[in-house]
Structures are given as C-alpha cells and as structure tokens.
C-alpha cells in the first residue's frame, strides 16, 4: 500500500526543487498553512513572490487523478496563487510530471469535471450522488499546463486558459454544470 504522506512529501520537495532549478528561492511552509505548501521568490528581475499549493498523485496514464475538494474549488484571493499538480508514476525510474495551473483554473476544472460526471445524461438518477467535496480531476484535464513553469512570473488572471475545449461548453451550461459559486469566471467566461 502507498503511504500518502510520502506521496505528499515527494510532490512538495520535487516542486521546491524545480523552482530552485529555475532561479527561485522556495520555502516549504509548515503543515497547517491553508492553501499554501510553498512560498517562492524569483531571484532575478522583479522578485515576484508566489504561493503554491502542491497536489501529488500516484499512478499512470489518463486514469491518474487528483482529489480536489471544496477548498480547492475556492477562487484565488490574489493573482499569485498557483497549484502544481505532480504525477508520480508507479515506475520509480519514470520522470515526475508537473502541471502548473492558476488557482482559478483548478477551481473551475474541479467543479466542471465533477458536475459533468455527476449529471451525465443517460445515467440513472441516484447512481452518482457524490458531492463536489469529493471531486477528482484526471490528468488529461491539465495536459495543457504540463511543464508550464514560465507562467509563474505572470499574474494568474493573465494566463490563458488551457483546459479542454469541451469544459468551456460545460461552464456555459449553467443548468447542468456551470461554475462554483463565487468563481470570477461567472462574471465573464474567458475564451479557450
């Protein structure tokens, strides 16, 4: 059985290492600091500071998924909040995969993927009844953000959305899927 604490440790330390490799000074926060696992400052240029929440999952292929409950679906408090999703292959010799995603994009993806699954036409009522607090997002959903480390110097509200195109359609369908309450895209849905 996989030790989930080790999965979390692998993810957080790997992301901190990648930040350091790319000219940032990362600091792991203590457990208990909500929404932030790593604080990092860019060493050159404007000395941009960011907050990163790391989500790590083990597995391989398109079925790998990250649990993203209600806290992950909360909108960003400022334009420097990021998630880095880490895919840890079952093969210990395989490289880690990183997906660098703005918090608001993660919040939308978690809600959209879950609500689309929950309300899929043709599924009998009551068969799927798990609430959004148990949402999971699969690896293909974040494929457009893989190794997008260069985005971290930008404010998150300036980052183009790289979610699957069908997610835009689902977000527009406020009767069936839509977006979580308080999400900034409810005011103006970006194009993608």
C-alpha atoms as a PDB file:
ATOM      1  CA  UNK A   1       0.000   0.000   0.000  1.00  0.00           C
ATOM      2  CA  UNK A   2       1.195   3.500  -0.863  1.00  0.00           C
ATOM      3  CA  UNK A   3       1.988   5.837   2.033  1.00  0.00           C
ATOM      4  CA  UNK A   4       0.043   9.017   1.259  1.00  0.00           C
ATOM      5  CA  UNK A   5       2.350  11.128   3.432  1.00  0.00           C
ATOM      6  CA  UNK A   6       5.243  10.025   1.212  1.00  0.00           C
ATOM      7  CA  UNK A   7       3.262  10.981  -1.891  1.00  0.00           C
ATOM      8  CA  UNK A   8       2.733  14.471  -0.459  1.00  0.00           C
ATOM      9  CA  UNK A   9       6.418  14.734   0.518  1.00  0.00           C
ATOM     10  CA  UNK A  10       7.609  13.630  -2.926  1.00  0.00           C
ATOM     11  CA  UNK A  11       5.383  16.228  -4.591  1.00  0.00           C
ATOM     12  CA  UNK A  12       6.268  19.167  -2.369  1.00  0.00           C
ATOM     13  CA  UNK A  13      10.017  18.568  -2.419  1.00  0.00           C
ATOM     14  CA  UNK A  14      10.046  17.952  -6.174  1.00  0.00           C
ATOM     15  CA  UNK A  15       8.207  21.225  -6.839  1.00  0.00           C
ATOM     16  CA  UNK A  16      10.535  23.140  -4.499  1.00  0.00           C
ATOM     17  CA  UNK A  17      13.497  21.607  -6.327  1.00  0.00           C
ATOM     18  CA  UNK A  18      12.113  22.605  -9.736  1.00  0.00           C
ATOM     19  CA  UNK A  19      11.581  26.168  -8.513  1.00  0.00           C
ATOM     20  CA  UNK A  20      15.184  26.337  -7.254  1.00  0.00           C
ATOM     21  CA  UNK A  21      16.488  24.954 -10.575  1.00  0.00           C
ATOM     22  CA  UNK A  22      14.704  27.790 -12.350  1.00  0.00           C
ATOM     23  CA  UNK A  23      16.062  30.681 -10.296  1.00  0.00           C
ATOM     24  CA  UNK A  24      13.551  30.914  -7.473  1.00  0.00           C
ATOM     25  CA  UNK A  25      14.081  30.703  -3.706  1.00  0.00           C
ATOM     26  CA  UNK A  26      11.403  28.267  -2.485  1.00  0.00           C
ATOM     27  CA  UNK A  27      10.414  27.731   1.135  1.00  0.00           C
ATOM     28  CA  UNK A  28       8.223  24.858   2.268  1.00  0.00           C
ATOM     29  CA  UNK A  29       5.565  26.049   4.703  1.00  0.00           C
ATOM     30  CA  UNK A  30       4.620  24.175   7.835  1.00  0.00           C
ATOM     31  CA  UNK A  31       1.615  21.888   7.753  1.00  0.00           C
ATOM     32  CA  UNK A  32      -1.481  23.793   8.639  1.00  0.00           C
ATOM     33  CA  UNK A  33      -0.986  26.845   6.420  1.00  0.00           C
ATOM     34  CA  UNK A  34      -4.139  26.634   4.356  1.00  0.00           C
ATOM     35  CA  UNK A  35      -3.858  26.931   0.560  1.00  0.00           C
ATOM     36  CA  UNK A  36      -0.044  27.192   0.506  1.00  0.00           C
ATOM     37  CA  UNK A  37       2.628  24.483   0.598  1.00  0.00           C
ATOM     38  CA  UNK A  38       5.457  26.550  -0.901  1.00  0.00           C
ATOM     39  CA  UNK A  39       6.254  30.254  -0.893  1.00  0.00           C
ATOM     40  CA  UNK A  40       8.777  31.235  -3.562  1.00  0.00           C
ATOM     41  CA  UNK A  41      10.554  34.420  -4.631  1.00  0.00           C
ATOM     42  CA  UNK A  42      12.055  34.907  -8.070  1.00  0.00           C
ATOM     43  CA  UNK A  43      15.717  35.793  -7.561  1.00  0.00           C
ATOM     44  CA  UNK A  44      16.106  37.938 -10.679  1.00  0.00           C
ATOM     45  CA  UNK A  45      14.011  40.664 -12.242  1.00  0.00           C
ATOM     46  CA  UNK A  46      11.010  41.914 -10.295  1.00  0.00           C
ATOM     47  CA  UNK A  47      11.449  39.404  -7.434  1.00  0.00           C
ATOM     48  CA  UNK A  48       7.956  38.087  -7.981  1.00  0.00           C
ATOM     49  CA  UNK A  49       6.566  36.183  -4.985  1.00  0.00           C
ATOM     50  CA  UNK A  50       4.105  33.322  -5.416  1.00  0.00           C
ATOM     51  CA  UNK A  51       2.094  30.894  -3.295  1.00  0.00           C
ATOM     52  CA  UNK A  52       1.948  27.297  -4.500  1.00  0.00           C
ATOM     53  CA  UNK A  53      -0.329  24.519  -3.372  1.00  0.00           C
ATOM     54  CA  UNK A  54       1.017  21.110  -4.402  1.00  0.00           C
ATOM     55  CA  UNK A  55      -1.208  18.138  -5.173  1.00  0.00           C
ATOM     56  CA  UNK A  56       0.570  14.853  -5.829  1.00  0.00           C
ATOM     57  CA  UNK A  57      -0.933  11.581  -7.024  1.00  0.00           C
ATOM     58  CA  UNK A  58       0.492   8.199  -7.906  1.00  0.00           C
ATOM     59  CA  UNK A  59      -0.420   6.123 -10.919  1.00  0.00           C
ATOM     60  CA  UNK A  60      -0.001   6.324 -14.637  1.00  0.00           C
ATOM     61  CA  UNK A  61      -1.860   7.270 -17.736  1.00  0.00           C
ATOM     62  CA  UNK A  62      -5.143   9.085 -18.229  1.00  0.00           C
ATOM     63  CA  UNK A  63      -6.803   7.473 -15.205  1.00  0.00           C
ATOM     64  CA  UNK A  64      -4.432   9.165 -12.750  1.00  0.00           C
ATOM     65  CA  UNK A  65      -6.432  11.764 -10.823  1.00  0.00           C
ATOM     66  CA  UNK A  66      -6.018  14.282  -8.044  1.00  0.00           C
ATOM     67  CA  UNK A  67      -8.638  14.711  -5.306  1.00  0.00           C
ATOM     68  CA  UNK A  68      -9.694  18.362  -5.341  1.00  0.00           C
ATOM     69  CA  UNK A  69     -12.374  19.005  -2.750  1.00  0.00           C
ATOM     70  CA  UNK A  70     -14.254  22.144  -1.809  1.00  0.00           C
ATOM     71  CA  UNK A  71     -11.191  24.053  -0.577  1.00  0.00           C
ATOM     72  CA  UNK A  72      -9.521  23.540  -3.954  1.00  0.00           C
ATOM     73  CA  UNK A  73     -12.621  24.950  -5.631  1.00  0.00           C
ATOM     74  CA  UNK A  74     -12.372  28.282  -3.816  1.00  0.00           C
ATOM     75  CA  UNK A  75     -11.363  31.210  -6.028  1.00  0.00           C
ATOM     76  CA  UNK A  76      -7.971  32.868  -5.753  1.00  0.00           C
ATOM     77  CA  UNK A  77      -7.545  35.574  -3.133  1.00  0.00           C
ATOM     78  CA  UNK A  78      -4.895  37.328  -5.243  1.00  0.00           C
ATOM     79  CA  UNK A  79      -3.257  36.855  -8.679  1.00  0.00           C
ATOM     80  CA  UNK A  80      -0.190  34.941  -7.423  1.00  0.00           C
ATOM     81  CA  UNK A  81      -1.892  31.737  -6.217  1.00  0.00           C
ATOM     82  CA  UNK A  82      -0.917  28.590  -8.078  1.00  0.00           C
ATOM     83  CA  UNK A  83      -1.326  24.852  -7.982  1.00  0.00           C
ATOM     84  CA  UNK A  84       1.314  22.446  -9.202  1.00  0.00           C
ATOM     85  CA  UNK A  85      -0.122  19.004  -9.827  1.00  0.00           C
ATOM     86  CA  UNK A  86       2.523  16.270  -9.643  1.00  0.00           C
ATOM     87  CA  UNK A  87       2.032  12.907 -11.357  1.00  0.00           C
ATOM     88  CA  UNK A  88       4.185  10.224  -9.740  1.00  0.00           C
ATOM     89  CA  UNK A  89       4.437   7.179 -11.997  1.00  0.00           C
ATOM     90  CA  UNK A  90       4.294   3.724 -10.418  1.00  0.00           C
ATOM     91  CA  UNK A  91       7.622   3.035 -12.154  1.00  0.00           C
ATOM     92  CA  UNK A  92      10.180   4.663  -9.835  1.00  0.00           C
ATOM     93  CA  UNK A  93      12.553   5.177 -12.788  1.00  0.00           C
ATOM     94  CA  UNK A  94       9.999   7.213 -14.750  1.00  0.00           C
ATOM     95  CA  UNK A  95      10.272  11.009 -14.510  1.00  0.00           C
ATOM     96  CA  UNK A  96       7.787  13.004 -12.485  1.00  0.00           C
ATOM     97  CA  UNK A  97       5.295  15.081 -14.454  1.00  0.00           C
ATOM     98  CA  UNK A  98       4.343  18.615 -13.410  1.00  0.00           C
ATOM     99  CA  UNK A  99       1.262  20.655 -14.325  1.00  0.00           C
ATOM    100  CA  UNK A 100       1.466  24.359 -13.398  1.00  0.00           C
ATOM    101  CA  UNK A 101      -2.066  25.731 -13.083  1.00  0.00           C
ATOM    102  CA  UNK A 102      -3.536  29.014 -11.767  1.00  0.00           C
ATOM    103  CA  UNK A 103      -5.840  28.504  -8.773  1.00  0.00           C
ATOM    104  CA  UNK A 104      -8.929  29.818 -10.578  1.00  0.00           C
ATOM    105  CA  UNK A 105      -8.332  27.342 -13.424  1.00  0.00           C
ATOM    106  CA  UNK A 106      -8.096  24.468 -10.912  1.00  0.00           C
ATOM    107  CA  UNK A 107     -11.270  25.624  -9.147  1.00  0.00           C
ATOM    108  CA  UNK A 108     -13.146  25.665 -12.454  1.00  0.00           C
ATOM    109  CA  UNK A 109     -11.720  22.321 -13.608  1.00  0.00           C
ATOM    110  CA  UNK A 110     -12.585  20.542 -10.349  1.00  0.00           C
ATOM    111  CA  UNK A 111     -16.163  21.794 -10.402  1.00  0.00           C
ATOM    112  CA  UNK A 112     -16.720  21.248 -14.129  1.00  0.00           C
ATOM    113  CA  UNK A 113     -15.251  17.739 -14.236  1.00  0.00           C
ATOM    114  CA  UNK A 114     -17.205  16.667 -11.163  1.00  0.00           C
ATOM    115  CA  UNK A 115     -20.542  18.221 -12.130  1.00  0.00           C
ATOM    116  CA  UNK A 116     -20.276  16.878 -15.682  1.00  0.00           C
ATOM    117  CA  UNK A 117     -19.644  13.390 -14.267  1.00  0.00           C
ATOM    118  CA  UNK A 118     -22.451  13.777 -11.723  1.00  0.00           C
ATOM    119  CA  UNK A 119     -25.054  14.939 -14.251  1.00  0.00           C
ATOM    120  CA  UNK A 120     -24.009  12.959 -17.340  1.00  0.00           C
ATOM    121  CA  UNK A 121     -27.123  12.403 -19.472  1.00  0.00           C
ATOM    122  CA  UNK A 122     -28.253   8.786 -19.562  1.00  0.00           C
ATOM    123  CA  UNK A 123     -27.082   7.904 -16.044  1.00  0.00           C
ATOM    124  CA  UNK A 124     -29.987   6.855 -13.839  1.00  0.00           C
ATOM    125  CA  UNK A 125     -30.798   9.311 -11.021  1.00  0.00           C
ATOM    126  CA  UNK A 126     -29.180   8.354  -7.724  1.00  0.00           C
ATOM    127  CA  UNK A 127     -26.431   6.220  -9.287  1.00  0.00           C
ATOM    128  CA  UNK A 128     -23.924   9.037  -8.948  1.00  0.00           C
ATOM    129  CA  UNK A 129     -24.536  11.026  -5.791  1.00  0.00           C
ATOM    130  CA  UNK A 130     -21.128  12.148  -4.527  1.00  0.00           C
ATOM    131  CA  UNK A 131     -20.947  15.883  -3.801  1.00  0.00           C
ATOM    132  CA  UNK A 132     -18.303  18.324  -5.080  1.00  0.00           C
ATOM    133  CA  UNK A 133     -16.299  17.902  -1.866  1.00  0.00           C
ATOM    134  CA  UNK A 134     -15.209  14.518  -3.308  1.00  0.00           C
ATOM    135  CA  UNK A 135     -14.304  15.726  -6.804  1.00  0.00           C
ATOM    136  CA  UNK A 136     -11.322  14.296  -8.660  1.00  0.00           C
ATOM    137  CA  UNK A 137      -9.630  15.724 -11.735  1.00  0.00           C
ATOM    138  CA  UNK A 138      -7.918  13.444 -14.242  1.00  0.00           C
ATOM    139  CA  UNK A 139      -4.508  14.022 -15.780  1.00  0.00           C
ATOM    140  CA  UNK A 140      -5.790  14.827 -19.323  1.00  0.00           C
ATOM    141  CA  UNK A 141      -7.721  17.811 -17.919  1.00  0.00           C
ATOM    142  CA  UNK A 142      -4.447  19.571 -17.070  1.00  0.00           C
ATOM    143  CA  UNK A 143      -2.423  18.382 -20.101  1.00  0.00           C
ATOM    144  CA  UNK A 144      -2.248  21.933 -21.493  1.00  0.00           C
ATOM    145  CA  UNK A 145      -0.373  23.082 -18.378  1.00  0.00           C
ATOM    146  CA  UNK A 146       2.375  20.450 -18.385  1.00  0.00           C
ATOM    147  CA  UNK A 147       5.785  21.916 -17.517  1.00  0.00           C
ATOM    148  CA  UNK A 148       4.389  25.454 -17.868  1.00  0.00           C
ATOM    149  CA  UNK A 149       6.892  26.795 -15.315  1.00  0.00           C
ATOM    150  CA  UNK A 150       7.356  30.050 -17.246  1.00  0.00           C
ATOM    151  CA  UNK A 151       3.777  31.049 -16.375  1.00  0.00           C
ATOM    152  CA  UNK A 152       4.732  31.611 -12.738  1.00  0.00           C
ATOM    153  CA  UNK A 153       6.127  35.069 -13.490  1.00  0.00           C
ATOM    154  CA  UNK A 154       2.706  36.249 -14.714  1.00  0.00           C
ATOM    155  CA  UNK A 155      -0.321  37.249 -12.672  1.00  0.00           C
ATOM    156  CA  UNK A 156      -2.711  34.287 -12.799  1.00  0.00           C
ATOM    157  CA  UNK A 157      -5.521  36.394 -14.238  1.00  0.00           C
ATOM    158  CA  UNK A 158      -3.352  36.992 -17.340  1.00  0.00           C
ATOM    159  CA  UNK A 159      -2.675  33.299 -18.016  1.00  0.00           C
ATOM    160  CA  UNK A 160      -4.571  31.830 -20.998  1.00  0.00           C
ATOM    161  CA  UNK A 161      -6.939  29.011 -20.093  1.00  0.00           C
ATOM    162  CA  UNK A 162      -5.622  25.640 -21.318  1.00  0.00           C
ATOM    163  CA  UNK A 163      -8.437  23.395 -20.109  1.00  0.00           C
ATOM    164  CA  UNK A 164     -10.059  21.001 -22.606  1.00  0.00           C
ATOM    165  CA  UNK A 165     -12.301  22.901 -25.074  1.00  0.00           C
ATOM    166  CA  UNK A 166     -15.422  20.998 -24.007  1.00  0.00           C
ATOM    167  CA  UNK A 167     -15.037  22.432 -20.497  1.00  0.00           C
ATOM    168  CA  UNK A 168     -15.963  25.844 -21.922  1.00  0.00           C
ATOM    169  CA  UNK A 169     -19.241  24.401 -23.188  1.00  0.00           C
ATOM    170  CA  UNK A 170     -19.891  22.745 -19.820  1.00  0.00           C
ATOM    171  CA  UNK A 171     -19.181  26.013 -17.977  1.00  0.00           C
ATOM    172  CA  UNK A 172     -21.715  27.809 -20.184  1.00  0.00           C
ATOM    173  CA  UNK A 173     -24.349  25.186 -19.339  1.00  0.00           C
ATOM    174  CA  UNK A 174     -25.415  26.701 -16.017  1.00  0.00           C
ATOM    175  CA  UNK A 175     -28.413  24.341 -15.752  1.00  0.00           C
ATOM    176  CA  UNK A 176     -26.279  21.171 -15.673  1.00  0.00           C
ATOM    177  CA  UNK A 177     -22.642  22.087 -14.888  1.00  0.00           C
ATOM    178  CA  UNK A 178     -21.721  25.794 -14.719  1.00  0.00           C
ATOM    179  CA  UNK A 179     -19.071  27.075 -12.294  1.00  0.00           C
ATOM    180  CA  UNK A 180     -18.771  27.106  -8.491  1.00  0.00           C
ATOM    181  CA  UNK A 181     -20.296  29.975  -6.537  1.00  0.00           C
ATOM    182  CA  UNK A 182     -18.019  32.993  -6.243  1.00  0.00           C
ATOM    183  CA  UNK A 183     -15.831  31.963  -9.176  1.00  0.00           C
ATOM    184  CA  UNK A 184     -14.671  35.050 -11.134  1.00  0.00           C
ATOM    185  CA  UNK A 185     -15.472  33.429 -14.491  1.00  0.00           C
ATOM    186  CA  UNK A 186     -19.175  33.534 -13.629  1.00  0.00           C
ATOM    187  CA  UNK A 187     -18.970  37.274 -14.373  1.00  0.00           C
ATOM    188  CA  UNK A 188     -17.098  36.876 -17.672  1.00  0.00           C
ATOM    189  CA  UNK A 189     -16.149  33.459 -19.023  1.00  0.00           C
ATOM    190  CA  UNK A 190     -12.780  33.662 -20.823  1.00  0.00           C
ATOM    191  CA  UNK A 191     -12.287  32.139 -24.259  1.00  0.00           C
ATOM    192  CA  UNK A 192     -10.369  28.941 -24.772  1.00  0.00           C
END
